[in-house]
């Protein structure tokens, strides 16, 4: 199932990390710090590739053992608290979210982050009040690219999935959008995109700023 490119865009769903806020360098360092006592951390690119779902599931997969996960999460949270000021909102995000709110466009957030850390980031960057609905990684049993989170947001926003736009920086954002019948914008930052995702024909943009411009074009 996919959304037709001629569909009217009535609402926007954003990913968080790498889309609205520049947390990824800090996330990669935090994850490496969290798992270091238990396993040799892989290169940052490999950690990035394997980031998906709630922290406990991600850390267990990287460590290869569920037993140290509680300690690893404690290390992750401690690092995040200590380095929280490193989080930067991408240029143009605040203005875009404000404009969407001012024009009564439904706006939602679909993130793989757990609700506690997502809330900390949103409150720390003054973005929390920008969304009409939020689905986090620990709100549902399913995770991206399963479309359940996106379909739930469509229901809460009372906007047909075909009239939504999903904006993210990961291939799972595009796959989840496709399965929900939602059009997608993918921020690739120069990364190579897999053939499976390219075949779905998302709107490809290189940077968050380019994505924000594309959203304005589609809403015009």
Foldseek 3Di string as FASTA:
>chain_A
DAFDPPAAAQAEEEEPDQQFKPCLVVLLVLLCQLCVVQDRQDPSVVLVVQDWAEQLVSSCVRNVHNVCSVSSVVSSVVSCVVPVVVMGTDPPNVVLLVVCVVVVRAYEYEYRYDPVVVVVNCVVHVNVVSHPYYDYRPPDPDTFLQQPVVVVSCVSSVHQLSNYEYEYADLSSQSNSGVSRHAYEHAPLPPDDDPVSVVSPHNYDPHSVVVSVVVVVSND
